């Protein structure tokens, strides 16, 4: 089991600022959190070393890059067992249009977050890849019409 790290108010301020802008320099970070740049650098390195900061990434505009369709898919498998879940996990890993995948409780076994260029590309993924998968028994999909909130990260305060 992973141990939880104890954070002080400066660590929380650093993490909050970096969630907004992961490319922030230590000098800019220091100005925001009222520490010296060298203290911010040490704390940031410690947070990275402890695995609290897992990495940095740019947030891209899916629409401006031509991926105008987002869908949420609920998947039920035909059965359960060690080999079936592992097989489905390999399927998920091998399809880049699946941006997130979650094993869930409730009426579905998995929830998939899909990005596609358009409805034709989405239908192609469903009919040529997902439905024919031997472990898939049922698929229910919802097309996202409007995004009300899509924040990454963790609410630290």
Protein backbone atom coordinates (compact mmCIF):
# COMPACT_ATOMS: atom_id res chain seq x y z
CA UNK A 1 0.00 0.00 0.00
CA UNK A 2 1.25 3.50 -0.84
CA UNK A 3 2.02 5.77 2.09
CA UNK A 4 0.38 9.16 2.16
CA UNK A 5 2.83 12.06 2.30
CA UNK A 6 2.30 14.82 4.86
CA UNK A 7 2.12 18.19 3.16
CA UNK A 8 2.48 21.61 4.71
CA UNK A 9 0.89 24.81 3.46
CA UNK A 10 3.89 25.60 1.21
CA UNK A 11 3.73 22.15 -0.42
CA UNK A 12 0.00 22.60 -1.02
CA UNK A 13 0.59 26.07 -2.51
CA UNK A 14 3.32 24.67 -4.79
CA UNK A 15 1.13 21.78 -5.95
CA UNK A 16 -1.85 24.06 -6.53
CA UNK A 17 0.25 26.44 -8.65
CA UNK A 18 1.84 23.59 -10.63
CA UNK A 19 -1.56 22.06 -11.39
CA UNK A 20 -2.52 25.36 -13.03
CA UNK A 21 0.81 25.70 -14.89
CA UNK A 22 3.20 22.76 -14.84
CA UNK A 23 5.73 24.68 -16.94
CA UNK A 24 6.12 27.36 -14.27
CA UNK A 25 9.74 28.20 -13.45
CA UNK A 26 10.97 27.97 -9.88
CA UNK A 27 11.37 31.77 -9.86
CA UNK A 28 7.72 32.30 -10.84
CA UNK A 29 6.64 29.60 -8.40
CA UNK A 30 8.63 31.25 -5.61
CA UNK A 31 6.88 34.54 -6.27
CA UNK A 32 3.46 32.88 -6.02
CA UNK A 33 4.08 30.87 -2.87
CA UNK A 34 6.33 33.33 -0.99
CA UNK A 35 9.43 31.15 -0.77
CA UNK A 36 12.86 31.53 -2.36
CA UNK A 37 13.45 29.92 -5.76
CA UNK A 38 15.97 27.51 -4.20
CA UNK A 39 13.44 26.44 -1.53
CA UNK A 40 10.81 25.91 -4.23
CA UNK A 41 13.28 23.90 -6.27
CA UNK A 42 14.11 21.64 -3.30
CA UNK A 43 10.45 21.16 -2.37
CA UNK A 44 9.45 20.50 -5.98
CA UNK A 45 12.23 17.90 -6.32
CA UNK A 46 11.14 16.25 -3.05
CA UNK A 47 7.51 16.11 -4.24
CA UNK A 48 8.67 14.56 -7.52
CA UNK A 49 10.93 12.06 -5.71
CA UNK A 50 8.08 11.05 -3.38
CA UNK A 51 5.82 10.42 -6.37
CA UNK A 52 3.34 13.13 -5.41
CA UNK A 53 4.13 14.82 -8.72
CA UNK A 54 3.92 12.03 -11.26
CA UNK A 55 4.90 14.11 -14.28
CA UNK A 56 4.14 17.17 -16.36
CA UNK A 57 2.02 17.49 -19.49
CA UNK A 58 0.53 20.12 -21.75
CA UNK A 59 -3.27 20.36 -21.96
CA UNK A 60 -4.19 20.24 -25.63
CA UNK A 61 -7.36 21.47 -27.31
CA UNK A 62 -8.99 18.35 -28.74
CA UNK A 63 -11.34 20.44 -30.88
CA UNK A 64 -8.55 22.54 -32.41
CA UNK A 65 -6.62 19.38 -33.19
CA UNK A 66 -9.59 17.88 -35.01
CA UNK A 67 -10.92 15.56 -32.29
CA UNK A 68 -14.37 17.08 -31.99
CA UNK A 69 -16.20 14.08 -30.57
CA UNK A 70 -16.00 12.85 -27.00
CA UNK A 71 -17.98 9.89 -25.75
CA UNK A 72 -18.36 7.93 -22.56
CA UNK A 73 -18.82 4.20 -23.07
CA UNK A 74 -20.05 1.68 -20.51
CA UNK A 75 -18.78 -1.82 -21.21
CA UNK A 76 -19.93 -5.12 -19.74
CA UNK A 77 -17.75 -8.17 -20.24
CA UNK A 78 -19.16 -11.56 -21.16
CA UNK A 79 -17.63 -13.11 -18.08
CA UNK A 80 -15.06 -12.55 -15.38
CA UNK A 81 -11.80 -14.14 -14.48
CA UNK A 82 -8.13 -13.31 -14.43
CA UNK A 83 -7.49 -13.86 -18.12
CA UNK A 84 -10.54 -11.91 -19.27
CA UNK A 85 -9.69 -8.71 -17.41
CA UNK A 86 -6.07 -8.88 -18.54
CA UNK A 87 -7.14 -9.41 -22.15
CA UNK A 88 -9.48 -6.42 -21.99
CA UNK A 89 -6.75 -4.30 -20.35
CA UNK A 90 -4.43 -5.11 -23.29
CA UNK A 91 -7.20 -4.11 -25.70
CA UNK A 92 -7.63 -0.77 -23.89
CA UNK A 93 -3.87 -0.11 -23.88
CA UNK A 94 -3.69 -0.76 -27.61
CA UNK A 95 -6.30 1.82 -28.67
CA UNK A 96 -5.17 5.45 -28.36
CA UNK A 97 -8.69 6.81 -28.85
CA UNK A 98 -9.46 5.44 -25.38
CA UNK A 99 -8.12 8.30 -23.28
CA UNK A 100 -9.19 6.96 -19.87
CA UNK A 101 -10.54 3.64 -18.71
CA UNK A 102 -11.91 2.70 -15.32
CA UNK A 103 -13.00 -0.56 -13.75
CA UNK A 104 -16.13 0.47 -11.85
CA UNK A 105 -18.81 -0.75 -9.51
CA UNK A 106 -22.44 -0.56 -10.57
CA UNK A 107 -24.16 -1.72 -13.73
CA UNK A 108 -21.05 -1.60 -15.95
CA UNK A 109 -17.72 -3.36 -15.65
CA UNK A 110 -15.73 -0.55 -17.31
CA UNK A 111 -16.18 3.09 -18.26
CA UNK A 112 -14.17 4.35 -21.24
CA UNK A 113 -13.53 7.98 -22.17
CA UNK A 114 -13.15 8.18 -25.96
CA UNK A 115 -11.91 10.93 -28.25
CA UNK A 116 -12.58 10.69 -31.99
CA UNK A 117 -12.36 13.04 -34.95
CA UNK A 118 -16.07 12.70 -35.75
CA UNK A 119 -19.09 10.40 -35.56
CA UNK A 120 -17.82 8.23 -38.43
CA UNK A 121 -14.49 7.61 -36.67
CA UNK A 122 -16.34 6.86 -33.43
CA UNK A 123 -18.69 4.42 -35.17
CA UNK A 124 -15.70 2.76 -36.84
CA UNK A 125 -14.04 2.22 -33.46
CA UNK A 126 -17.23 0.79 -31.96
CA UNK A 127 -18.10 -1.52 -34.87
CA UNK A 128 -14.64 -2.63 -35.99
CA UNK A 129 -12.84 -2.86 -32.66
CA UNK A 130 -14.92 -2.72 -29.49
CA UNK A 131 -18.03 -4.76 -30.34
CA UNK A 132 -16.11 -7.60 -32.02
CA UNK A 133 -13.82 -8.03 -28.99
CA UNK A 134 -14.51 -11.54 -27.64
CA UNK A 135 -14.78 -10.37 -24.01
CA UNK A 136 -17.32 -7.61 -24.70
CA UNK A 137 -20.97 -8.54 -24.05
CA UNK A 138 -22.64 -5.12 -23.99
CA UNK A 139 -21.74 -1.55 -24.92
CA UNK A 140 -23.72 1.57 -24.07
CA UNK A 141 -22.37 4.91 -25.22
CA UNK A 142 -23.18 8.53 -24.59
CA UNK A 143 -21.92 11.33 -26.82
CA UNK A 144 -20.77 14.38 -24.86
CA UNK A 145 -22.82 17.33 -26.11
CA UNK A 146 -21.31 20.03 -23.92
CA UNK A 147 -18.55 20.05 -21.34
CA UNK A 148 -19.54 21.85 -18.16
CA UNK A 149 -16.36 21.10 -16.23
CA UNK A 150 -13.24 19.17 -17.15
CA UNK A 151 -10.56 19.82 -14.56
CA UNK A 152 -7.64 17.56 -14.05
CA UNK A 153 -5.65 17.33 -10.87
CA UNK A 154 -6.70 17.17 -7.25
CA UNK A 155 -8.65 19.76 -5.22
CA UNK A 156 -6.10 20.38 -2.46
CA UNK A 157 -8.04 23.07 -0.59
